[in-house]
Amino acid sequence: MANHLHQGDLPDGLDLGRVVAVDCETMGLNTWRDRLCLVQLSSGDGHAHLVQFRQGAYTAPRLKRMLADRTCLKVFHFARFDLAALRHWLGAEVGPVYCTKIASRLTRTFTDRHGLKDLAKDLLGVEISKLQQSSDWGAETLTQAQIDYAATDVLYLHALRERLDALLAREGRKSLAQACFDFLPARAELDLAGWSEVDILAHA
């Protein structure tokens, strides 16, 4: 296994297959204010590819082409946030999408623990450290600890999707999950348009 750090875009000729795990690191949780710093990807082979962005340099044509490729499924954990960040900072139209957090909420109704760390432990028996979660992702040079942490956010998503797909089938909720996944790009657009904290389906 290896973690590959790239500057500004994916390298030419890199093929990550038909299912790609994706995650983002930003300067904070306010998408309009807090810039996109890193996009992590994995094909599920144990390797992670990390694309680091300098402030204001968001062309990344190869990455954007892959994110928009309708023949390639993008697997996220809490896709809503990442889709908004990718749309706002890269102008990327991402799809199709799978979200392990939504799949967990639809199947693991016996718990309120749906974070990536909880899923990895409960479904895969893997302990993920979150010590670097709040570190400075805008630093010019990332530490090895930051790189290794960022990689863990994508290295287990393929295995989690497989386990969660089995649970969705068992509970008869695959079509409901797919409908939620299909809506996620629109949900991200609503967040960017100012409806992040408003339930537009509520009566009042």
C-alpha atoms as a PDB file:
ATOM      1  CA  MET A   1       0.000   0.000   0.000  1.00  0.00           C
ATOM      2  CA  ALA A   2       1.170   3.530  -0.776  1.00  0.00           C
ATOM      3  CA  ASN A   3      -0.153   7.068  -0.564  1.00  0.00           C
ATOM      4  CA  HIS A   4       0.616   9.207  -3.614  1.00  0.00           C
ATOM      5  CA  LEU A   5       0.554  13.006  -3.279  1.00  0.00           C
ATOM      6  CA  HIS A   6      -0.067  15.009  -6.463  1.00  0.00           C
ATOM      7  CA  GLN A   7      -0.070  18.776  -6.970  1.00  0.00           C
ATOM      8  CA  GLY A   8      -3.061  20.471  -8.597  1.00  0.00           C
ATOM      9  CA  ASP A   9      -4.475  17.514 -10.532  1.00  0.00           C
ATOM     10  CA  LEU A  10      -4.362  13.769 -11.062  1.00  0.00           C
ATOM     11  CA  PRO A  11      -1.433  12.554 -13.176  1.00  0.00           C
ATOM     12  CA  ASP A  12      -2.067  11.920 -16.847  1.00  0.00           C
ATOM     13  CA  GLY A  13      -3.051   8.329 -17.629  1.00  0.00           C
ATOM     14  CA  LEU A  14      -4.107   7.332 -14.108  1.00  0.00           C
ATOM     15  CA  ASP A  15      -7.081   4.938 -14.250  1.00  0.00           C
ATOM     16  CA  LEU A  16      -8.881   4.432 -10.941  1.00  0.00           C
ATOM     17  CA  GLY A  17     -11.530   2.106 -12.344  1.00  0.00           C
ATOM     18  CA  ARG A  18     -15.305   2.159 -12.327  1.00  0.00           C
ATOM     19  CA  VAL A  19     -15.779   2.685  -8.572  1.00  0.00           C
ATOM     20  CA  VAL A  20     -13.711   5.394  -6.856  1.00  0.00           C
ATOM     21  CA  ALA A  21     -13.736   6.390  -3.197  1.00  0.00           C
ATOM     22  CA  VAL A  22     -13.538  10.166  -2.744  1.00  0.00           C
ATOM     23  CA  ASP A  23     -13.107  12.528   0.199  1.00  0.00           C
ATOM     24  CA  CYS A  24     -12.140  16.175   0.715  1.00  0.00           C
ATOM     25  CA  GLU A  25     -10.195  18.165   3.276  1.00  0.00           C
ATOM     26  CA  THR A  26     -11.002  21.856   3.654  1.00  0.00           C
ATOM     27  CA  MET A  27      -9.935  24.681   5.950  1.00  0.00           C
ATOM     28  CA  GLY A  28     -13.215  24.356   7.864  1.00  0.00           C
ATOM     29  CA  LEU A  29     -16.892  23.529   7.565  1.00  0.00           C
ATOM     30  CA  ASN A  30     -18.129  26.739   5.915  1.00  0.00           C
ATOM     31  CA  THR A  31     -17.976  25.896   2.217  1.00  0.00           C
ATOM     32  CA  TRP A  32     -18.112  29.516   1.038  1.00  0.00           C
ATOM     33  CA  ARG A  33     -15.349  30.675   3.403  1.00  0.00           C
ATOM     34  CA  ASP A  34     -13.131  27.638   3.935  1.00  0.00           C
ATOM     35  CA  ARG A  35     -11.189  26.683   0.847  1.00  0.00           C
ATOM     36  CA  LEU A  36     -10.710  23.210  -0.559  1.00  0.00           C
ATOM     37  CA  CYS A  37      -7.199  21.971   0.220  1.00  0.00           C
ATOM     38  CA  LEU A  38      -7.082  18.272  -0.636  1.00  0.00           C
ATOM     39  CA  VAL A  39      -9.062  15.646  -2.541  1.00  0.00           C
ATOM     40  CA  GLN A  40      -8.351  12.010  -1.737  1.00  0.00           C
ATOM     41  CA  LEU A  41      -9.198   9.098  -4.035  1.00  0.00           C
ATOM     42  CA  SER A  42      -8.805   5.328  -4.024  1.00  0.00           C
ATOM     43  CA  SER A  43      -9.752   2.565  -6.433  1.00  0.00           C
ATOM     44  CA  GLY A  44     -10.051   0.100  -3.550  1.00  0.00           C
ATOM     45  CA  ASP A  45      -6.664  -1.512  -4.169  1.00  0.00           C
ATOM     46  CA  GLY A  46      -5.118  -0.248  -0.936  1.00  0.00           C
ATOM     47  CA  HIS A  47      -3.496   2.762  -2.600  1.00  0.00           C
ATOM     48  CA  ALA A  48      -4.620   6.360  -2.145  1.00  0.00           C
ATOM     49  CA  HIS A  49      -4.071   9.303  -4.481  1.00  0.00           C
ATOM     50  CA  LEU A  50      -4.167  12.747  -2.884  1.00  0.00           C
ATOM     51  CA  VAL A  51      -4.491  15.940  -4.926  1.00  0.00           C
ATOM     52  CA  GLN A  52      -3.277  19.031  -3.059  1.00  0.00           C
ATOM     53  CA  PHE A  53      -4.507  22.473  -4.130  1.00  0.00           C
ATOM     54  CA  ARG A  54      -2.736  25.793  -3.725  1.00  0.00           C
ATOM     55  CA  GLN A  55      -4.964  28.744  -2.960  1.00  0.00           C
ATOM     56  CA  GLY A  56      -6.777  29.908  -6.103  1.00  0.00           C
ATOM     57  CA  ALA A  57      -5.432  27.089  -8.317  1.00  0.00           C
ATOM     58  CA  TYR A  58      -8.435  24.903  -9.076  1.00  0.00           C
ATOM     59  CA  THR A  59      -8.271  23.998 -12.768  1.00  0.00           C
ATOM     60  CA  ALA A  60      -7.666  20.229 -12.310  1.00  0.00           C
ATOM     61  CA  PRO A  61      -9.139  19.092 -15.670  1.00  0.00           C
ATOM     62  CA  ARG A  62      -8.322  15.385 -15.214  1.00  0.00           C
ATOM     63  CA  LEU A  63      -9.824  15.232 -11.727  1.00  0.00           C
ATOM     64  CA  LYS A  64     -12.952  17.098 -12.830  1.00  0.00           C
ATOM     65  CA  ARG A  65     -13.355  14.798 -15.827  1.00  0.00           C
ATOM     66  CA  MET A  66     -13.228  11.739 -13.584  1.00  0.00           C
ATOM     67  CA  LEU A  67     -15.684  13.221 -11.076  1.00  0.00           C
ATOM     68  CA  ALA A  68     -18.167  13.959 -13.872  1.00  0.00           C
ATOM     69  CA  ASP A  69     -17.775  10.574 -15.597  1.00  0.00           C
ATOM     70  CA  ARG A  70     -21.238   8.959 -15.472  1.00  0.00           C
ATOM     71  CA  THR A  71     -19.741   5.481 -15.947  1.00  0.00           C
ATOM     72  CA  CYS A  72     -17.716   5.817 -12.728  1.00  0.00           C
ATOM     73  CA  LEU A  73     -19.426   5.551  -9.332  1.00  0.00           C
ATOM     74  CA  LYS A  74     -18.037   7.910  -6.673  1.00  0.00           C
ATOM     75  CA  VAL A  75     -18.277   6.608  -3.092  1.00  0.00           C
ATOM     76  CA  PHE A  76     -18.253   9.162  -0.258  1.00  0.00           C
ATOM     77  CA  HIS A  77     -18.877   9.254   3.451  1.00  0.00           C
ATOM     78  CA  PHE A  78     -21.214  12.215   4.072  1.00  0.00           C
ATOM     79  CA  ALA A  79     -21.321  13.096   0.388  1.00  0.00           C
ATOM     80  CA  ARG A  80     -23.468  16.177   0.964  1.00  0.00           C
ATOM     81  CA  PHE A  81     -20.529  18.205   2.298  1.00  0.00           C
ATOM     82  CA  ASP A  82     -17.966  16.971  -0.232  1.00  0.00           C
ATOM     83  CA  LEU A  83     -20.268  17.523  -3.210  1.00  0.00           C
ATOM     84  CA  ALA A  84     -20.848  21.138  -2.153  1.00  0.00           C
ATOM     85  CA  ALA A  85     -17.101  21.732  -1.713  1.00  0.00           C
ATOM     86  CA  LEU A  86     -16.256  20.160  -5.069  1.00  0.00           C
ATOM     87  CA  ARG A  87     -19.003  22.137  -6.808  1.00  0.00           C
ATOM     88  CA  HIS A  88     -18.061  25.461  -5.216  1.00  0.00           C
ATOM     89  CA  TRP A  89     -14.274  25.276  -5.487  1.00  0.00           C
ATOM     90  CA  LEU A  90     -13.712  23.107  -8.560  1.00  0.00           C
ATOM     91  CA  GLY A  91     -16.948  23.705 -10.424  1.00  0.00           C
ATOM     92  CA  ALA A  92     -17.217  19.921 -10.592  1.00  0.00           C
ATOM     93  CA  GLU A  93     -20.479  18.204 -11.528  1.00  0.00           C
ATOM     94  CA  VAL A  94     -20.110  14.966  -9.573  1.00  0.00           C
ATOM     95  CA  GLY A  95     -22.076  11.798 -10.275  1.00  0.00           C
ATOM     96  CA  PRO A  96     -23.189   9.131  -9.867  1.00  0.00           C
ATOM     97  CA  VAL A  97     -22.810   9.084  -6.094  1.00  0.00           C
ATOM     98  CA  TYR A  98     -22.953   6.585  -3.213  1.00  0.00           C
ATOM     99  CA  CYS A  99     -22.904   7.751   0.424  1.00  0.00           C
ATOM    100  CA  THR A 100     -21.936   5.311   3.159  1.00  0.00           C
ATOM    101  CA  LYS A 101     -23.391   7.578   5.851  1.00  0.00           C
ATOM    102  CA  ILE A 102     -26.839   7.548   4.260  1.00  0.00           C
ATOM    103  CA  ALA A 103     -26.622   3.788   3.740  1.00  0.00           C
ATOM    104  CA  SER A 104     -25.726   3.383   7.411  1.00  0.00           C
ATOM    105  CA  ARG A 105     -28.609   5.579   8.564  1.00  0.00           C
ATOM    106  CA  LEU A 106     -31.046   3.564   6.456  1.00  0.00           C
ATOM    107  CA  THR A 107     -29.859   0.185   7.759  1.00  0.00           C
ATOM    108  CA  ARG A 108     -28.245   0.596  11.191  1.00  0.00           C
ATOM    109  CA  THR A 109     -31.326   2.112  12.831  1.00  0.00           C
ATOM    110  CA  PHE A 110     -30.379   0.546  16.162  1.00  0.00           C
ATOM    111  CA  THR A 111     -27.625   3.156  16.672  1.00  0.00           C
ATOM    112  CA  ASP A 112     -26.935   6.852  16.228  1.00  0.00           C
ATOM    113  CA  ARG A 113     -23.242   6.201  15.519  1.00  0.00           C
ATOM    114  CA  HIS A 114     -22.806   6.648  11.772  1.00  0.00           C
ATOM    115  CA  GLY A 115     -19.388   8.305  11.554  1.00  0.00           C
ATOM    116  CA  LEU A 116     -16.668   6.772   9.407  1.00  0.00           C
ATOM    117  CA  LYS A 117     -14.698   5.735  12.479  1.00  0.00           C
ATOM    118  CA  ASP A 118     -17.748   3.931  13.887  1.00  0.00           C
ATOM    119  CA  LEU A 119     -18.545   2.192  10.600  1.00  0.00           C
ATOM    120  CA  ALA A 120     -14.980   1.005  10.106  1.00  0.00           C
ATOM    121  CA  LYS A 121     -14.897  -0.432  13.614  1.00  0.00           C
ATOM    122  CA  ASP A 122     -18.384  -1.978  13.606  1.00  0.00           C
ATOM    123  CA  LEU A 123     -18.456  -3.390  10.073  1.00  0.00           C
ATOM    124  CA  LEU A 124     -14.786  -4.039   9.291  1.00  0.00           C
ATOM    125  CA  GLY A 125     -13.114  -4.357  12.691  1.00  0.00           C
ATOM    126  CA  VAL A 126     -10.723  -1.528  11.749  1.00  0.00           C
ATOM    127  CA  GLU A 127      -9.682   1.232  14.163  1.00  0.00           C
ATOM    128  CA  ILE A 128      -9.276   4.622  12.459  1.00  0.00           C
ATOM    129  CA  SER A 129      -7.475   7.443  14.244  1.00  0.00           C
ATOM    130  CA  LYS A 130      -9.024  10.916  13.958  1.00  0.00           C
ATOM    131  CA  LEU A 131      -6.132  12.797  15.588  1.00  0.00           C
ATOM    132  CA  GLN A 132      -5.335  14.787  12.419  1.00  0.00           C
ATOM    133  CA  GLN A 133      -8.938  15.673  11.587  1.00  0.00           C
ATOM    134  CA  SER A 134      -8.636  19.290  12.742  1.00  0.00           C
ATOM    135  CA  SER A 135      -5.102  19.978  11.537  1.00  0.00           C
ATOM    136  CA  ASP A 136      -4.076  22.766   9.116  1.00  0.00           C
ATOM    137  CA  TRP A 137      -4.903  21.355   5.688  1.00  0.00           C
ATOM    138  CA  GLY A 138      -3.883  24.605   4.027  1.00  0.00           C
ATOM    139  CA  ALA A 139      -0.233  24.171   4.988  1.00  0.00           C
ATOM    140  CA  GLU A 140       2.171  24.390   2.050  1.00  0.00           C
ATOM    141  CA  THR A 141       3.772  21.086   3.049  1.00  0.00           C
ATOM    142  CA  LEU A 142       1.615  18.355   4.560  1.00  0.00           C
ATOM    143  CA  THR A 143       3.103  16.147   7.240  1.00  0.00           C
ATOM    144  CA  GLN A 144       3.276  12.389   6.785  1.00  0.00           C
ATOM    145  CA  ALA A 145       0.724  12.074   9.597  1.00  0.00           C
ATOM    146  CA  GLN A 146      -1.695  14.302   7.656  1.00  0.00           C
ATOM    147  CA  ILE A 147      -1.164  12.327   4.455  1.00  0.00           C
ATOM    148  CA  ASP A 148      -1.709   9.006   6.201  1.00  0.00           C
ATOM    149  CA  TYR A 149      -4.833  10.298   7.959  1.00  0.00           C
ATOM    150  CA  ALA A 150      -6.320  11.687   4.740  1.00  0.00           C
ATOM    151  CA  ALA A 151      -5.721   8.369   3.002  1.00  0.00           C
ATOM    152  CA  THR A 152      -7.671   6.437   5.645  1.00  0.00           C
ATOM    153  CA  ASP A 153     -10.772   8.444   4.743  1.00  0.00           C
ATOM    154  CA  VAL A 154     -10.938   6.648   1.370  1.00  0.00           C
ATOM    155  CA  LEU A 155      -9.115   3.335   1.836  1.00  0.00           C
ATOM    156  CA  TYR A 156     -12.058   1.564   3.505  1.00  0.00           C
ATOM    157  CA  LEU A 157     -15.019   2.982   1.577  1.00  0.00           C
ATOM    158  CA  HIS A 158     -15.161   0.167  -0.989  1.00  0.00           C
ATOM    159  CA  ALA A 159     -15.352  -2.488   1.725  1.00  0.00           C
ATOM    160  CA  LEU A 160     -17.926  -0.461   3.644  1.00  0.00           C
ATOM    161  CA  ARG A 161     -20.080  -0.071   0.534  1.00  0.00           C
ATOM    162  CA  GLU A 162     -20.036  -3.850   0.058  1.00  0.00           C
ATOM    163  CA  ARG A 163     -21.150  -4.479   3.643  1.00  0.00           C
ATOM    164  CA  LEU A 164     -23.778  -1.742   3.545  1.00  0.00           C
ATOM    165  CA  ASP A 165     -25.158  -2.941   0.203  1.00  0.00           C
ATOM    166  CA  ALA A 166     -25.776  -6.322   1.819  1.00  0.00           C
ATOM    167  CA  LEU A 167     -27.624  -4.626   4.684  1.00  0.00           C
ATOM    168  CA  LEU A 168     -29.678  -2.492   2.297  1.00  0.00           C
ATOM    169  CA  ALA A 169     -30.706  -5.634   0.402  1.00  0.00           C
ATOM    170  CA  ARG A 170     -31.515  -7.472   3.634  1.00  0.00           C
ATOM    171  CA  GLU A 171     -33.738  -4.622   4.858  1.00  0.00           C
ATOM    172  CA  GLY A 172     -35.372  -4.027   1.474  1.00  0.00           C
ATOM    173  CA  ARG A 173     -34.118  -0.451   1.209  1.00  0.00           C
ATOM    174  CA  LYS A 174     -31.836  -0.453  -1.846  1.00  0.00           C
ATOM    175  CA  SER A 175     -34.243   1.555  -4.011  1.00  0.00           C
ATOM    176  CA  LEU A 176     -34.823   4.067  -1.215  1.00  0.00           C
ATOM    177  CA  ALA A 177     -31.075   4.460  -0.759  1.00  0.00           C
ATOM    178  CA  GLN A 178     -30.604   4.985  -4.501  1.00  0.00           C
ATOM    179  CA  ALA A 179     -33.261   7.701  -4.509  1.00  0.00           C
ATOM    180  CA  CYS A 180     -31.376   9.452  -1.687  1.00  0.00           C
ATOM    181  CA  PHE A 181     -28.065   9.130  -3.540  1.00  0.00           C
ATOM    182  CA  ASP A 182     -29.611  10.555  -6.705  1.00  0.00           C
ATOM    183  CA  PHE A 183     -30.873  13.584  -4.750  1.00  0.00           C
ATOM    184  CA  LEU A 184     -27.524  14.394  -3.136  1.00  0.00           C
ATOM    185  CA  PRO A 185     -26.197  16.732  -5.885  1.00  0.00           C
ATOM    186  CA  ALA A 186     -29.410  18.761  -5.589  1.00  0.00           C
ATOM    187  CA  ARG A 187     -29.085  18.785  -1.787  1.00  0.00           C
ATOM    188  CA  ALA A 188     -25.555  20.165  -2.161  1.00  0.00           C
ATOM    189  CA  GLU A 189     -26.836  22.832  -4.547  1.00  0.00           C
ATOM    190  CA  LEU A 190     -29.486  23.806  -1.987  1.00  0.00           C
ATOM    191  CA  ASP A 191     -26.736  24.153   0.625  1.00  0.00           C
ATOM    192  CA  LEU A 192     -24.760  26.438  -1.668  1.00  0.00           C
ATOM    193  CA  ALA A 193     -27.866  28.449  -2.532  1.00  0.00           C
ATOM    194  CA  GLY A 194     -28.619  29.254   1.133  1.00  0.00           C
ATOM    195  CA  TRP A 195     -30.969  26.478   2.231  1.00  0.00           C
ATOM    196  CA  SER A 196     -28.429  24.532   4.293  1.00  0.00           C
ATOM    197  CA  GLU A 197     -30.372  24.774   7.567  1.00  0.00           C
ATOM    198  CA  VAL A 198     -33.907  24.920   6.148  1.00  0.00           C
ATOM    199  CA  ASP A 199     -36.069  21.851   5.576  1.00  0.00           C
ATOM    200  CA  ILE A 200     -37.841  22.867   2.367  1.00  0.00           C
ATOM    201  CA  LEU A 201     -40.198  19.900   2.719  1.00  0.00           C
ATOM    202  CA  ALA A 202     -41.438  20.934   6.169  1.00  0.00           C
ATOM    203  CA  HIS A 203     -45.014  22.225   6.564  1.00  0.00           C
ATOM    204  CA  ALA A 204     -43.971  25.347   8.450  1.00  0.00           C
END
